[in-house]
Amino acid sequence: MIRLRNFIPCAAVLTTLLFLLSCSGRTEPQTEAPAVPAMGRIYLYGEMHGVGKILDREFVLWQNYYEKEGMRHLFVELPFYTVEFLNLWMHAPDDEILDSLWEDTRGTAGNTADAKEFYKRIKEHCPETIFHGTDVGHQYDSTGERFLTGLCDSGQEDTLLYRRTVEAIEQGRKYYHPVKDPVYRENAMVQNFIGEYDRLGGENVMGIYGSAHTNLDSLNHTGEVPCMATQLNKRYSPRILSEDLSELVRMIDPVGTDYFLINGKTDGSAEVFFYRSDGKMWNSRKNTVGINPE
């Protein structure tokens, strides 16, 4: 059985898929992004990665935009080459490409069965979706190198697709070495988003990112630089809108029950939710930071 982590599409397969992709209008124009901001609307949604209820809501939102407003461009918190694999997979007859991506990202927050099903639902119900990746080059030594190899094998070294893949890989190296640099990543995500969005020339888009990146007036999670959406808001306001879907974690099942003393008396049991500041739940009653007030 083939190890998906080592799967490299043969040149013929990749060439065929890239041809199909060009027919769909996804191949990148051989021009750089225009200097003037595009005039479409940007709908950003913040999430906790990999959470089923949030992904369900995101799918409903995207399907509504897709069917009722004719939107086709979905921005996600993934590297450029990862979404190019997703775009190839959208035209593929099976899930081998998606499976290989899931093998590459094993152990990451977004690598859940719910997240994988989210993409499958998009392929089934919104088949003309075009993904756009604006994160730095995570998995640059696996997914990135595999996509670059496929481009070389199909004779596409002299293309914008190749140059942007190399750029994303270099961003990944800069972010991770010698240690993770969150300021570099946040600023790179902004520039990647601007470049990707302005190339569309005025299309409305939806974007899904971790909630730490989507507040229109806040710093990044380390407090060192304005977060992605805050920086984008300076360029695109008032055409950029943002909603934090991470609040949907409040709707998950409670950790358990506990007893409270009111006026010195035990007043029965109540369902108790415990949250950390990043929205994830604690599993111990002793951890009182971030208790859900509702």
C-alpha atoms as a PDB file:
ATOM      1  CA  MET A   1       0.000   0.000   0.000  1.00  0.00           C
ATOM      2  CA  ILE A   2       1.341   3.419  -0.952  1.00  0.00           C
ATOM      3  CA  ARG A   3       2.364   5.765   1.882  1.00  0.00           C
ATOM      4  CA  LEU A   4       0.304   8.892   1.312  1.00  0.00           C
ATOM      5  CA  ARG A   5       2.931  11.091   2.918  1.00  0.00           C
ATOM      6  CA  ASN A   6       5.268  10.135   0.088  1.00  0.00           C
ATOM      7  CA  PHE A   7       2.639  10.383  -2.641  1.00  0.00           C
ATOM      8  CA  ILE A   8       3.777  12.499  -5.594  1.00  0.00           C
ATOM      9  CA  PRO A   9       1.336  12.859  -8.492  1.00  0.00           C
ATOM     10  CA  CYS A  10       2.967  11.693 -11.707  1.00  0.00           C
ATOM     11  CA  ALA A  11       3.590  14.335 -14.349  1.00  0.00           C
ATOM     12  CA  ALA A  12       0.771  13.110 -16.573  1.00  0.00           C
ATOM     13  CA  VAL A  13      -1.794  13.208 -13.771  1.00  0.00           C
ATOM     14  CA  LEU A  14      -0.699  16.631 -12.553  1.00  0.00           C
ATOM     15  CA  THR A  15      -0.587  18.037 -16.078  1.00  0.00           C
ATOM     16  CA  THR A  16      -4.118  16.780 -16.748  1.00  0.00           C
ATOM     17  CA  LEU A  17      -5.425  18.228 -13.503  1.00  0.00           C
ATOM     18  CA  LEU A  18      -3.708  21.562 -14.131  1.00  0.00           C
ATOM     19  CA  PHE A  19      -5.316  21.659 -17.565  1.00  0.00           C
ATOM     20  CA  LEU A  20      -8.730  21.056 -16.022  1.00  0.00           C
ATOM     21  CA  LEU A  21      -7.961  23.732 -13.467  1.00  0.00           C
ATOM     22  CA  SER A  22      -7.119  26.207 -16.218  1.00  0.00           C
ATOM     23  CA  CYS A  23     -10.474  25.465 -17.821  1.00  0.00           C
ATOM     24  CA  SER A  24     -12.148  26.428 -14.551  1.00  0.00           C
ATOM     25  CA  GLY A  25     -10.439  29.821 -14.595  1.00  0.00           C
ATOM     26  CA  ARG A  26      -8.247  29.131 -11.551  1.00  0.00           C
ATOM     27  CA  THR A  27      -4.787  29.296 -13.134  1.00  0.00           C
ATOM     28  CA  GLU A  28      -3.006  32.411 -11.976  1.00  0.00           C
ATOM     29  CA  PRO A  29      -2.573  35.303 -14.410  1.00  0.00           C
ATOM     30  CA  GLN A  30       1.027  36.001 -15.270  1.00  0.00           C
ATOM     31  CA  THR A  31       0.831  39.445 -13.703  1.00  0.00           C
ATOM     32  CA  GLU A  32       1.386  40.826 -10.258  1.00  0.00           C
ATOM     33  CA  ALA A  33      -1.424  42.210  -8.090  1.00  0.00           C
ATOM     34  CA  PRO A  34      -2.662  45.718  -9.002  1.00  0.00           C
ATOM     35  CA  ALA A  35      -1.645  48.567  -6.717  1.00  0.00           C
ATOM     36  CA  VAL A  36      -5.207  49.845  -6.246  1.00  0.00           C
ATOM     37  CA  PRO A  37      -7.350  47.886  -3.757  1.00  0.00           C
ATOM     38  CA  ALA A  38     -10.183  45.871  -5.286  1.00  0.00           C
ATOM     39  CA  MET A  39     -13.777  46.965  -4.631  1.00  0.00           C
ATOM     40  CA  GLY A  40     -15.481  43.716  -3.598  1.00  0.00           C
ATOM     41  CA  ARG A  41     -16.632  42.792  -0.107  1.00  0.00           C
ATOM     42  CA  ILE A  42     -14.633  40.635   2.292  1.00  0.00           C
ATOM     43  CA  TYR A  43     -16.541  38.474   4.778  1.00  0.00           C
ATOM     44  CA  LEU A  44     -14.174  37.136   7.444  1.00  0.00           C
ATOM     45  CA  TYR A  45     -15.115  34.462   9.969  1.00  0.00           C
ATOM     46  CA  GLY A  46     -12.993  33.615  12.989  1.00  0.00           C
ATOM     47  CA  GLU A  47     -12.907  30.054  14.232  1.00  0.00           C
ATOM     48  CA  MET A  48     -11.372  27.530  16.566  1.00  0.00           C
ATOM     49  CA  HIS A  49      -9.749  25.121  14.139  1.00  0.00           C
ATOM     50  CA  GLY A  50     -11.304  21.720  13.591  1.00  0.00           C
ATOM     51  CA  VAL A  51     -14.461  22.176  15.713  1.00  0.00           C
ATOM     52  CA  GLY A  52     -17.482  20.457  14.183  1.00  0.00           C
ATOM     53  CA  LYS A  53     -20.182  22.949  15.132  1.00  0.00           C
ATOM     54  CA  ILE A  54     -18.125  25.848  13.848  1.00  0.00           C
ATOM     55  CA  LEU A  55     -17.362  24.037  10.599  1.00  0.00           C
ATOM     56  CA  ASP A  56     -21.060  23.269  10.153  1.00  0.00           C
ATOM     57  CA  ARG A  57     -21.849  26.955  10.472  1.00  0.00           C
ATOM     58  CA  GLU A  58     -19.060  27.899   8.073  1.00  0.00           C
ATOM     59  CA  PHE A  59     -20.394  25.469   5.495  1.00  0.00           C
ATOM     60  CA  VAL A  60     -23.902  26.924   5.751  1.00  0.00           C
ATOM     61  CA  LEU A  61     -22.506  30.433   5.357  1.00  0.00           C
ATOM     62  CA  TRP A  62     -20.398  29.475   2.339  1.00  0.00           C
ATOM     63  CA  GLN A  63     -23.211  27.547   0.678  1.00  0.00           C
ATOM     64  CA  ASN A  64     -25.479  30.562   1.099  1.00  0.00           C
ATOM     65  CA  TYR A  65     -22.917  32.924  -0.442  1.00  0.00           C
ATOM     66  CA  TYR A  66     -22.239  30.384  -3.194  1.00  0.00           C
ATOM     67  CA  GLU A  67     -25.860  29.756  -4.152  1.00  0.00           C
ATOM     68  CA  LYS A  68     -27.527  33.102  -3.463  1.00  0.00           C
ATOM     69  CA  GLU A  69     -24.766  35.584  -4.238  1.00  0.00           C
ATOM     70  CA  GLY A  70     -22.751  33.660  -6.789  1.00  0.00           C
ATOM     71  CA  MET A  71     -19.530  33.810  -4.776  1.00  0.00           C
ATOM     72  CA  ARG A  72     -16.804  31.346  -5.736  1.00  0.00           C
ATOM     73  CA  HIS A  73     -13.649  32.454  -3.897  1.00  0.00           C
ATOM     74  CA  LEU A  74     -13.026  31.021  -0.414  1.00  0.00           C
ATOM     75  CA  PHE A  75      -9.938  32.186   1.486  1.00  0.00           C
ATOM     76  CA  VAL A  76      -8.548  29.823   4.126  1.00  0.00           C
ATOM     77  CA  GLU A  77      -5.704  29.760   6.641  1.00  0.00           C
ATOM     78  CA  LEU A  78      -3.511  27.425   4.627  1.00  0.00           C
ATOM     79  CA  PRO A  79      -0.368  27.877   2.523  1.00  0.00           C
ATOM     80  CA  PHE A  80      -0.603  28.711  -1.172  1.00  0.00           C
ATOM     81  CA  TYR A  81       0.527  25.279  -2.375  1.00  0.00           C
ATOM     82  CA  THR A  82      -1.835  23.435  -0.005  1.00  0.00           C
ATOM     83  CA  VAL A  83      -4.888  25.119  -1.489  1.00  0.00           C
ATOM     84  CA  GLU A  84      -3.563  24.547  -4.979  1.00  0.00           C
ATOM     85  CA  PHE A  85      -3.617  20.858  -4.121  1.00  0.00           C
ATOM     86  CA  LEU A  86      -7.180  21.356  -2.851  1.00  0.00           C
ATOM     87  CA  ASN A  87      -8.120  23.032  -6.132  1.00  0.00           C
ATOM     88  CA  LEU A  88      -6.653  20.093  -8.043  1.00  0.00           C
ATOM     89  CA  TRP A  89      -8.581  17.711  -5.790  1.00  0.00           C
ATOM     90  CA  MET A  90     -11.825  19.559  -6.583  1.00  0.00           C
ATOM     91  CA  HIS A  91     -11.434  18.246 -10.158  1.00  0.00           C
ATOM     92  CA  ALA A  92     -10.078  14.814  -9.248  1.00  0.00           C
ATOM     93  CA  PRO A  93     -12.193  11.633  -9.377  1.00  0.00           C
ATOM     94  CA  ASP A  94     -11.088  10.416  -5.928  1.00  0.00           C
ATOM     95  CA  ASP A  95      -9.767  11.655  -2.567  1.00  0.00           C
ATOM     96  CA  GLU A  96      -6.124  10.615  -2.914  1.00  0.00           C
ATOM     97  CA  ILE A  97      -4.909  14.230  -2.943  1.00  0.00           C
ATOM     98  CA  LEU A  98      -7.017  15.159   0.084  1.00  0.00           C
ATOM     99  CA  ASP A  99      -5.850  12.059   1.930  1.00  0.00           C
ATOM    100  CA  SER A 100      -2.211  12.972   1.287  1.00  0.00           C
ATOM    101  CA  LEU A 101      -2.801  16.477   2.675  1.00  0.00           C
ATOM    102  CA  TRP A 102      -4.396  14.995   5.777  1.00  0.00           C
ATOM    103  CA  GLU A 103      -1.407  12.734   6.254  1.00  0.00           C
ATOM    104  CA  ASP A 104       0.935  15.727   5.956  1.00  0.00           C
ATOM    105  CA  THR A 105      -0.944  17.758   8.581  1.00  0.00           C
ATOM    106  CA  ARG A 106      -1.424  14.968  11.113  1.00  0.00           C
ATOM    107  CA  GLY A 107      -1.189  16.340  14.650  1.00  0.00           C
ATOM    108  CA  THR A 108      -2.214  19.905  13.785  1.00  0.00           C
ATOM    109  CA  ALA A 109      -5.313  21.595  15.219  1.00  0.00           C
ATOM    110  CA  GLY A 110      -7.161  21.576  11.915  1.00  0.00           C
ATOM    111  CA  ASN A 111      -6.536  17.908  11.181  1.00  0.00           C
ATOM    112  CA  THR A 112      -9.887  16.516  12.339  1.00  0.00           C
ATOM    113  CA  ALA A 113     -12.505  14.288  10.768  1.00  0.00           C
ATOM    114  CA  ASP A 114     -14.955  17.212  10.894  1.00  0.00           C
ATOM    115  CA  ALA A 115     -12.564  19.449   8.967  1.00  0.00           C
ATOM    116  CA  LYS A 116     -11.993  16.809   6.310  1.00  0.00           C
ATOM    117  CA  GLU A 117     -15.731  16.330   5.947  1.00  0.00           C
ATOM    118  CA  PHE A 118     -16.117  20.116   5.591  1.00  0.00           C
ATOM    119  CA  TYR A 119     -13.995  20.068   2.445  1.00  0.00           C
ATOM    120  CA  LYS A 120     -15.813  17.031   1.090  1.00  0.00           C
ATOM    121  CA  ARG A 121     -19.155  18.791   1.553  1.00  0.00           C
ATOM    122  CA  ILE A 122     -17.843  21.784  -0.353  1.00  0.00           C
ATOM    123  CA  LYS A 123     -16.687  19.560  -3.205  1.00  0.00           C
ATOM    124  CA  GLU A 124     -20.104  17.883  -3.358  1.00  0.00           C
ATOM    125  CA  HIS A 125     -22.388  20.869  -2.901  1.00  0.00           C
ATOM    126  CA  CYS A 126     -20.276  23.828  -4.073  1.00  0.00           C
ATOM    127  CA  PRO A 127     -18.121  22.268  -6.812  1.00  0.00           C
ATOM    128  CA  GLU A 128     -17.051  25.536  -8.448  1.00  0.00           C
ATOM    129  CA  THR A 129     -15.417  26.764  -5.242  1.00  0.00           C
ATOM    130  CA  ILE A 130     -11.913  28.153  -5.717  1.00  0.00           C
ATOM    131  CA  PHE A 131      -9.718  28.055  -2.615  1.00  0.00           C
ATOM    132  CA  HIS A 132      -7.152  30.731  -1.836  1.00  0.00           C
ATOM    133  CA  GLY A 133      -4.392  30.141   0.712  1.00  0.00           C
ATOM    134  CA  THR A 134      -2.727  33.098   2.398  1.00  0.00           C
ATOM    135  CA  ASP A 135      -0.785  31.574   5.283  1.00  0.00           C
ATOM    136  CA  VAL A 136       2.970  31.073   5.386  1.00  0.00           C
ATOM    137  CA  GLY A 137       4.441  27.780   4.227  1.00  0.00           C
ATOM    138  CA  HIS A 138       3.507  25.212   6.842  1.00  0.00           C
ATOM    139  CA  GLN A 139       4.547  21.672   5.840  1.00  0.00           C
ATOM    140  CA  TYR A 140       6.956  23.253   3.353  1.00  0.00           C
ATOM    141  CA  ASP A 141       9.207  20.196   3.409  1.00  0.00           C
ATOM    142  CA  SER A 142       6.367  17.787   2.589  1.00  0.00           C
ATOM    143  CA  THR A 143       3.325  19.373   0.922  1.00  0.00           C
ATOM    144  CA  GLY A 144       5.320  22.286  -0.470  1.00  0.00           C
ATOM    145  CA  GLU A 145       8.137  20.209  -1.900  1.00  0.00           C
ATOM    146  CA  ARG A 146       5.658  17.703  -3.354  1.00  0.00           C
ATOM    147  CA  PHE A 147       3.738  20.414  -5.194  1.00  0.00           C
ATOM    148  CA  LEU A 148       6.970  21.984  -6.430  1.00  0.00           C
ATOM    149  CA  THR A 149       8.146  18.592  -7.692  1.00  0.00           C
ATOM    150  CA  GLY A 150       4.864  18.141  -9.552  1.00  0.00           C
ATOM    151  CA  LEU A 151       5.296  21.513 -11.245  1.00  0.00           C
ATOM    152  CA  CYS A 152       8.853  20.639 -12.280  1.00  0.00           C
ATOM    153  CA  ASP A 153       7.791  17.253 -13.613  1.00  0.00           C
ATOM    154  CA  SER A 154       5.087  18.914 -15.730  1.00  0.00           C
ATOM    155  CA  GLY A 155       7.439  21.575 -17.120  1.00  0.00           C
ATOM    156  CA  GLN A 156       6.003  24.559 -15.261  1.00  0.00           C
ATOM    157  CA  GLU A 157       9.137  26.079 -13.744  1.00  0.00           C
ATOM    158  CA  ASP A 158       8.655  29.328 -15.670  1.00  0.00           C
ATOM    159  CA  THR A 159       5.210  30.161 -14.281  1.00  0.00           C
ATOM    160  CA  LEU A 160       3.750  32.395 -11.625  1.00  0.00           C
ATOM    161  CA  LEU A 161       2.375  29.263  -9.976  1.00  0.00           C
ATOM    162  CA  TYR A 162       5.932  27.992  -9.525  1.00  0.00           C
ATOM    163  CA  ARG A 163       7.263  31.333  -8.263  1.00  0.00           C
ATOM    164  CA  ARG A 164       4.476  31.686  -5.731  1.00  0.00           C
ATOM    165  CA  THR A 165       5.047  28.141  -4.503  1.00  0.00           C
ATOM    166  CA  VAL A 166       8.732  28.919  -3.953  1.00  0.00           C
ATOM    167  CA  GLU A 167       7.763  32.141  -2.152  1.00  0.00           C
ATOM    168  CA  ALA A 168       5.395  30.280   0.181  1.00  0.00           C
ATOM    169  CA  ILE A 169       8.061  27.695   0.974  1.00  0.00           C
ATOM    170  CA  GLU A 170      10.552  30.449   1.794  1.00  0.00           C
ATOM    171  CA  GLN A 171       7.971  32.106   4.055  1.00  0.00           C
ATOM    172  CA  GLY A 172       7.606  28.834   5.925  1.00  0.00           C
ATOM    173  CA  ARG A 173      11.345  28.544   6.423  1.00  0.00           C
ATOM    174  CA  LYS A 174      11.574  32.133   7.671  1.00  0.00           C
ATOM    175  CA  TYR A 175       8.667  31.641  10.063  1.00  0.00           C
ATOM    176  CA  TYR A 176       9.946  28.425  11.642  1.00  0.00           C
ATOM    177  CA  HIS A 177      13.694  29.082  11.752  1.00  0.00           C
ATOM    178  CA  PRO A 178      15.485  29.512  13.991  1.00  0.00           C
ATOM    179  CA  VAL A 179      12.302  29.809  16.134  1.00  0.00           C
ATOM    180  CA  LYS A 180       8.705  30.633  15.291  1.00  0.00           C
ATOM    181  CA  ASP A 181       8.240  34.331  14.538  1.00  0.00           C
ATOM    182  CA  PRO A 182       4.550  35.271  15.001  1.00  0.00           C
ATOM    183  CA  VAL A 183       5.106  38.890  13.957  1.00  0.00           C
ATOM    184  CA  TYR A 184       6.644  37.799  10.659  1.00  0.00           C
ATOM    185  CA  ARG A 185       3.779  35.377  10.075  1.00  0.00           C
ATOM    186  CA  GLU A 186       1.033  37.923  10.813  1.00  0.00           C
ATOM    187  CA  ASN A 187       2.523  40.492   8.472  1.00  0.00           C
ATOM    188  CA  ALA A 188       3.141  37.879   5.772  1.00  0.00           C
ATOM    189  CA  MET A 189      -0.488  36.739   6.003  1.00  0.00           C
ATOM    190  CA  VAL A 190      -1.585  40.333   5.428  1.00  0.00           C
ATOM    191  CA  GLN A 191       0.578  40.761   2.346  1.00  0.00           C
ATOM    192  CA  ASN A 192      -0.439  37.355   0.997  1.00  0.00           C
ATOM    193  CA  PHE A 193      -4.113  38.203   1.470  1.00  0.00           C
ATOM    194  CA  ILE A 194      -3.760  41.562  -0.269  1.00  0.00           C
ATOM    195  CA  GLY A 195      -1.935  40.020  -3.209  1.00  0.00           C
ATOM    196  CA  GLU A 196      -4.428  37.175  -3.583  1.00  0.00           C
ATOM    197  CA  TYR A 197      -7.498  39.366  -3.133  1.00  0.00           C
ATOM    198  CA  ASP A 198      -6.486  42.256  -5.363  1.00  0.00           C
ATOM    199  CA  ARG A 199      -5.739  39.839  -8.211  1.00  0.00           C
ATOM    200  CA  LEU A 200      -9.452  39.008  -8.268  1.00  0.00           C
ATOM    201  CA  GLY A 201     -10.307  42.523  -9.415  1.00  0.00           C
ATOM    202  CA  GLY A 202     -13.376  43.215  -7.304  1.00  0.00           C
ATOM    203  CA  GLU A 203     -14.869  39.811  -6.455  1.00  0.00           C
ATOM    204  CA  ASN A 204     -16.677  39.267  -3.163  1.00  0.00           C
ATOM    205  CA  VAL A 205     -14.898  36.688  -1.004  1.00  0.00           C
ATOM    206  CA  MET A 206     -15.340  34.787   2.234  1.00  0.00           C
ATOM    207  CA  GLY A 207     -12.393  34.032   4.508  1.00  0.00           C
ATOM    208  CA  ILE A 208     -12.002  31.484   7.322  1.00  0.00           C
ATOM    209  CA  TYR A 209      -9.168  32.027   9.814  1.00  0.00           C
ATOM    210  CA  GLY A 210      -8.387  31.447  13.447  1.00  0.00           C
ATOM    211  CA  SER A 211     -10.179  34.051  15.542  1.00  0.00           C
ATOM    212  CA  ALA A 212      -6.831  35.496  16.651  1.00  0.00           C
ATOM    213  CA  HIS A 213      -6.466  36.829  13.086  1.00  0.00           C
ATOM    214  CA  THR A 214      -9.985  38.167  12.394  1.00  0.00           C
ATOM    215  CA  ASN A 215     -10.685  40.969  14.860  1.00  0.00           C
ATOM    216  CA  LEU A 216     -10.949  44.318  13.086  1.00  0.00           C
ATOM    217  CA  ASP A 217      -9.410  46.212  15.996  1.00  0.00           C
ATOM    218  CA  SER A 218      -6.906  44.175  17.986  1.00  0.00           C
ATOM    219  CA  LEU A 219      -3.324  43.018  18.220  1.00  0.00           C
ATOM    220  CA  ASN A 220      -2.117  39.557  17.296  1.00  0.00           C
ATOM    221  CA  HIS A 221      -2.072  36.826  19.954  1.00  0.00           C
ATOM    222  CA  THR A 222       1.356  37.934  21.240  1.00  0.00           C
ATOM    223  CA  GLY A 223       0.333  41.593  21.444  1.00  0.00           C
ATOM    224  CA  GLU A 224       3.220  42.706  19.253  1.00  0.00           C
ATOM    225  CA  VAL A 225       1.546  43.786  16.013  1.00  0.00           C
ATOM    226  CA  PRO A 226      -1.986  44.500  14.728  1.00  0.00           C
ATOM    227  CA  CYS A 227      -3.624  41.233  13.730  1.00  0.00           C
ATOM    228  CA  MET A 228      -4.302  40.368  10.096  1.00  0.00           C
ATOM    229  CA  ALA A 229      -7.868  41.691   9.917  1.00  0.00           C
ATOM    230  CA  THR A 230      -6.965  44.915  11.729  1.00  0.00           C
ATOM    231  CA  GLN A 231      -4.280  45.607   9.132  1.00  0.00           C
ATOM    232  CA  LEU A 232      -6.613  44.649   6.278  1.00  0.00           C
ATOM    233  CA  ASN A 233      -9.311  46.911   7.692  1.00  0.00           C
ATOM    234  CA  LYS A 234      -7.081  49.927   7.187  1.00  0.00           C
ATOM    235  CA  ARG A 235      -6.882  49.110   3.495  1.00  0.00           C
ATOM    236  CA  TYR A 236     -10.375  47.808   2.753  1.00  0.00           C
ATOM    237  CA  SER A 237     -12.719  49.493   5.257  1.00  0.00           C
ATOM    238  CA  PRO A 238     -15.722  49.720   5.105  1.00  0.00           C
ATOM    239  CA  ARG A 239     -15.920  46.755   2.720  1.00  0.00           C
ATOM    240  CA  ILE A 240     -14.484  44.231   5.178  1.00  0.00           C
ATOM    241  CA  LEU A 241     -16.776  42.556   7.714  1.00  0.00           C
ATOM    242  CA  SER A 242     -15.824  40.113  10.458  1.00  0.00           C
ATOM    243  CA  GLU A 243     -17.668  37.719  12.770  1.00  0.00           C
ATOM    244  CA  ASP A 244     -16.190  35.511  15.483  1.00  0.00           C
ATOM    245  CA  LEU A 245     -17.688  32.021  15.260  1.00  0.00           C
ATOM    246  CA  SER A 246     -15.547  30.696  18.102  1.00  0.00           C
ATOM    247  CA  GLU A 247     -18.394  31.697  20.420  1.00  0.00           C
ATOM    248  CA  LEU A 248     -20.169  28.579  19.157  1.00  0.00           C
ATOM    249  CA  VAL A 249     -17.973  26.530  21.491  1.00  0.00           C
ATOM    250  CA  ARG A 250     -20.339  27.682  24.224  1.00  0.00           C
ATOM    251  CA  MET A 251     -22.918  25.370  22.700  1.00  0.00           C
ATOM    252  CA  ILE A 252     -20.899  22.192  23.213  1.00  0.00           C
ATOM    253  CA  ASP A 253     -21.695  19.692  25.947  1.00  0.00           C
ATOM    254  CA  PRO A 254     -20.754  20.671  29.512  1.00  0.00           C
ATOM    255  CA  VAL A 255     -17.729  19.204  31.248  1.00  0.00           C
ATOM    256  CA  GLY A 256     -20.006  17.906  33.987  1.00  0.00           C
ATOM    257  CA  THR A 257     -21.927  19.056  37.038  1.00  0.00           C
ATOM    258  CA  ASP A 258     -20.890  20.822  40.197  1.00  0.00           C
ATOM    259  CA  TYR A 259     -22.457  22.150  43.400  1.00  0.00           C
ATOM    260  CA  PHE A 260     -22.576  25.756  44.527  1.00  0.00           C
ATOM    261  CA  LEU A 261     -23.027  27.254  47.974  1.00  0.00           C
ATOM    262  CA  ILE A 262     -25.562  30.065  48.077  1.00  0.00           C
ATOM    263  CA  ASN A 263     -25.995  31.773  51.446  1.00  0.00           C
ATOM    264  CA  GLY A 264     -24.154  28.890  53.050  1.00  0.00           C
ATOM    265  CA  LYS A 265     -26.398  26.227  51.548  1.00  0.00           C
ATOM    266  CA  THR A 266     -25.839  23.803  48.727  1.00  0.00           C
ATOM    267  CA  ASP A 267     -28.278  24.804  46.011  1.00  0.00           C
ATOM    268  CA  GLY A 268     -28.344  21.724  43.811  1.00  0.00           C
ATOM    269  CA  SER A 269     -26.210  20.872  40.824  1.00  0.00           C
ATOM    270  CA  ALA A 270     -25.619  22.882  37.698  1.00  0.00           C
ATOM    271  CA  GLU A 271     -23.924  22.187  34.416  1.00  0.00           C
ATOM    272  CA  VAL A 272     -20.517  23.829  34.360  1.00  0.00           C
ATOM    273  CA  PHE A 273     -18.397  24.888  31.384  1.00  0.00           C
ATOM    274  CA  PHE A 274     -14.732  25.734  31.831  1.00  0.00           C
ATOM    275  CA  TYR A 275     -12.802  27.717  29.227  1.00  0.00           C
ATOM    276  CA  ARG A 276      -9.238  28.817  28.816  1.00  0.00           C
ATOM    277  CA  SER A 277      -8.537  32.269  27.434  1.00  0.00           C
ATOM    278  CA  ASP A 278      -8.055  30.741  23.959  1.00  0.00           C
ATOM    279  CA  GLY A 279     -11.555  29.266  24.030  1.00  0.00           C
ATOM    280  CA  LYS A 280     -10.578  25.666  24.771  1.00  0.00           C
ATOM    281  CA  MET A 281     -12.124  23.978  27.752  1.00  0.00           C
ATOM    282  CA  TRP A 282     -10.351  22.992  30.941  1.00  0.00           C
ATOM    283  CA  ASN A 283     -11.118  19.543  32.302  1.00  0.00           C
ATOM    284  CA  SER A 284     -10.741  20.352  35.990  1.00  0.00           C
ATOM    285  CA  ARG A 285     -13.060  22.193  38.367  1.00  0.00           C
ATOM    286  CA  LYS A 286     -10.021  23.754  40.042  1.00  0.00           C
ATOM    287  CA  ASN A 287      -9.243  25.777  36.933  1.00  0.00           C
ATOM    288  CA  THR A 288     -11.515  28.783  37.276  1.00  0.00           C
ATOM    289  CA  VAL A 289      -9.970  31.108  34.704  1.00  0.00           C
ATOM    290  CA  GLY A 290     -12.390  31.736  31.864  1.00  0.00           C
ATOM    291  CA  ILE A 291     -15.520  30.137  33.359  1.00  0.00           C
ATOM    292  CA  ASN A 292     -18.426  30.584  30.982  1.00  0.00           C
ATOM    293  CA  PRO A 293     -20.647  33.258  32.589  1.00  0.00           C
ATOM    294  CA  GLU A 294     -23.802  31.968  30.977  1.00  0.00           C
END
